[in-house]
């Protein structure tokens, strides 16, 4: 998107194939991450769930809570 000068704003991504960073990267690729991601994808596909937030944040938050043992 351009600014008032007509120039495009710089991208925050370093590569067009690189995903944006998120605070849950430590969990990404774990067995829990994979299972949770698959479960959420199935719920979205069959219409039981509609994500309003990026998938990485939803899956990551659930992984974090599981690691904490449900403690707040």
C-alpha atoms as a PDB file:
ATOM      1  CA  UNK A   1       0.000   0.000   0.000  1.00  0.00           C
ATOM      2  CA  UNK A   2       1.360   3.413  -0.847  1.00  0.00           C
ATOM      3  CA  UNK A   3       1.739   6.463   1.329  1.00  0.00           C
ATOM      4  CA  UNK A   4       0.844  10.041   0.351  1.00  0.00           C
ATOM      5  CA  UNK A   5       4.040  10.351  -1.696  1.00  0.00           C
ATOM      6  CA  UNK A   6       2.863   7.468  -3.880  1.00  0.00           C
ATOM      7  CA  UNK A   7       5.669   5.186  -2.748  1.00  0.00           C
ATOM      8  CA  UNK A   8       4.934   1.721  -1.504  1.00  0.00           C
ATOM      9  CA  UNK A   9       5.407   1.116   2.196  1.00  0.00           C
ATOM     10  CA  UNK A  10       8.272  -1.269   3.008  1.00  0.00           C
ATOM     11  CA  UNK A  11       7.291  -4.855   3.651  1.00  0.00           C
ATOM     12  CA  UNK A  12       7.849  -6.394   7.082  1.00  0.00           C
ATOM     13  CA  UNK A  13       8.630  -9.758   5.480  1.00  0.00           C
ATOM     14  CA  UNK A  14      12.151 -10.606   4.434  1.00  0.00           C
ATOM     15  CA  UNK A  15      11.027 -13.088   1.793  1.00  0.00           C
ATOM     16  CA  UNK A  16       7.800 -13.574  -0.093  1.00  0.00           C
ATOM     17  CA  UNK A  17       7.830 -17.225   1.027  1.00  0.00           C
ATOM     18  CA  UNK A  18       8.561 -16.525   4.692  1.00  0.00           C
ATOM     19  CA  UNK A  19       5.665 -16.456   7.140  1.00  0.00           C
ATOM     20  CA  UNK A  20       5.357 -13.459   9.418  1.00  0.00           C
ATOM     21  CA  UNK A  21       6.777 -13.932  12.905  1.00  0.00           C
ATOM     22  CA  UNK A  22       4.488 -14.771  15.812  1.00  0.00           C
ATOM     23  CA  UNK A  23       5.052 -15.203  19.558  1.00  0.00           C
ATOM     24  CA  UNK A  24       4.440 -18.954  19.481  1.00  0.00           C
ATOM     25  CA  UNK A  25       7.290 -20.050  17.210  1.00  0.00           C
ATOM     26  CA  UNK A  26       8.777 -22.229  19.952  1.00  0.00           C
ATOM     27  CA  UNK A  27       5.779 -24.558  19.626  1.00  0.00           C
ATOM     28  CA  UNK A  28       5.569 -24.600  15.829  1.00  0.00           C
ATOM     29  CA  UNK A  29       6.446 -27.985  14.372  1.00  0.00           C
ATOM     30  CA  UNK A  30       5.816 -29.869  17.620  1.00  0.00           C
ATOM     31  CA  UNK A  31       3.555 -32.901  17.710  1.00  0.00           C
ATOM     32  CA  UNK A  32       0.994 -30.898  19.700  1.00  0.00           C
ATOM     33  CA  UNK A  33       1.052 -28.079  17.149  1.00  0.00           C
ATOM     34  CA  UNK A  34       0.423 -30.522  14.304  1.00  0.00           C
ATOM     35  CA  UNK A  35      -2.484 -32.249  16.059  1.00  0.00           C
ATOM     36  CA  UNK A  36      -4.126 -28.997  17.123  1.00  0.00           C
ATOM     37  CA  UNK A  37      -3.665 -27.469  13.663  1.00  0.00           C
ATOM     38  CA  UNK A  38      -5.268 -30.534  12.034  1.00  0.00           C
ATOM     39  CA  UNK A  39      -8.201 -30.468  14.476  1.00  0.00           C
ATOM     40  CA  UNK A  40      -8.837 -26.770  13.880  1.00  0.00           C
ATOM     41  CA  UNK A  41      -8.601 -27.249  10.106  1.00  0.00           C
ATOM     42  CA  UNK A  42     -11.202 -30.035  10.286  1.00  0.00           C
ATOM     43  CA  UNK A  43     -13.560 -27.834  12.329  1.00  0.00           C
ATOM     44  CA  UNK A  44     -13.142 -24.954   9.881  1.00  0.00           C
ATOM     45  CA  UNK A  45     -13.680 -27.232   6.891  1.00  0.00           C
ATOM     46  CA  UNK A  46     -16.934 -28.678   8.199  1.00  0.00           C
ATOM     47  CA  UNK A  47     -18.246 -25.264   9.262  1.00  0.00           C
ATOM     48  CA  UNK A  48     -18.174 -25.788  13.028  1.00  0.00           C
ATOM     49  CA  UNK A  49     -15.540 -23.090  13.515  1.00  0.00           C
ATOM     50  CA  UNK A  50     -14.712 -19.809  11.828  1.00  0.00           C
ATOM     51  CA  UNK A  51     -11.318 -18.306  12.647  1.00  0.00           C
ATOM     52  CA  UNK A  52     -11.193 -14.553  13.087  1.00  0.00           C
ATOM     53  CA  UNK A  53      -7.508 -14.608  14.066  1.00  0.00           C
ATOM     54  CA  UNK A  54      -4.478 -15.953  12.210  1.00  0.00           C
ATOM     55  CA  UNK A  55      -4.196 -19.724  12.590  1.00  0.00           C
ATOM     56  CA  UNK A  56      -0.680 -19.464  14.079  1.00  0.00           C
ATOM     57  CA  UNK A  57      -1.977 -17.391  16.987  1.00  0.00           C
ATOM     58  CA  UNK A  58      -4.869 -19.746  17.748  1.00  0.00           C
ATOM     59  CA  UNK A  59      -2.789 -22.927  17.539  1.00  0.00           C
ATOM     60  CA  UNK A  60       0.109 -21.321  19.392  1.00  0.00           C
ATOM     61  CA  UNK A  61      -2.073 -20.081  22.229  1.00  0.00           C
ATOM     62  CA  UNK A  62      -3.563 -23.540  22.731  1.00  0.00           C
ATOM     63  CA  UNK A  63      -0.075 -25.096  22.711  1.00  0.00           C
ATOM     64  CA  UNK A  64       1.098 -22.548  25.281  1.00  0.00           C
ATOM     65  CA  UNK A  65      -1.867 -23.253  27.563  1.00  0.00           C
ATOM     66  CA  UNK A  66      -1.294 -27.006  27.306  1.00  0.00           C
ATOM     67  CA  UNK A  67       2.344 -26.527  28.261  1.00  0.00           C
ATOM     68  CA  UNK A  68       1.277 -24.439  31.262  1.00  0.00           C
ATOM     69  CA  UNK A  69      -1.025 -27.238  32.360  1.00  0.00           C
ATOM     70  CA  UNK A  70      -4.034 -24.972  32.165  1.00  0.00           C
ATOM     71  CA  UNK A  71      -2.664 -22.582  34.794  1.00  0.00           C
ATOM     72  CA  UNK A  72      -3.319 -18.906  34.286  1.00  0.00           C
END
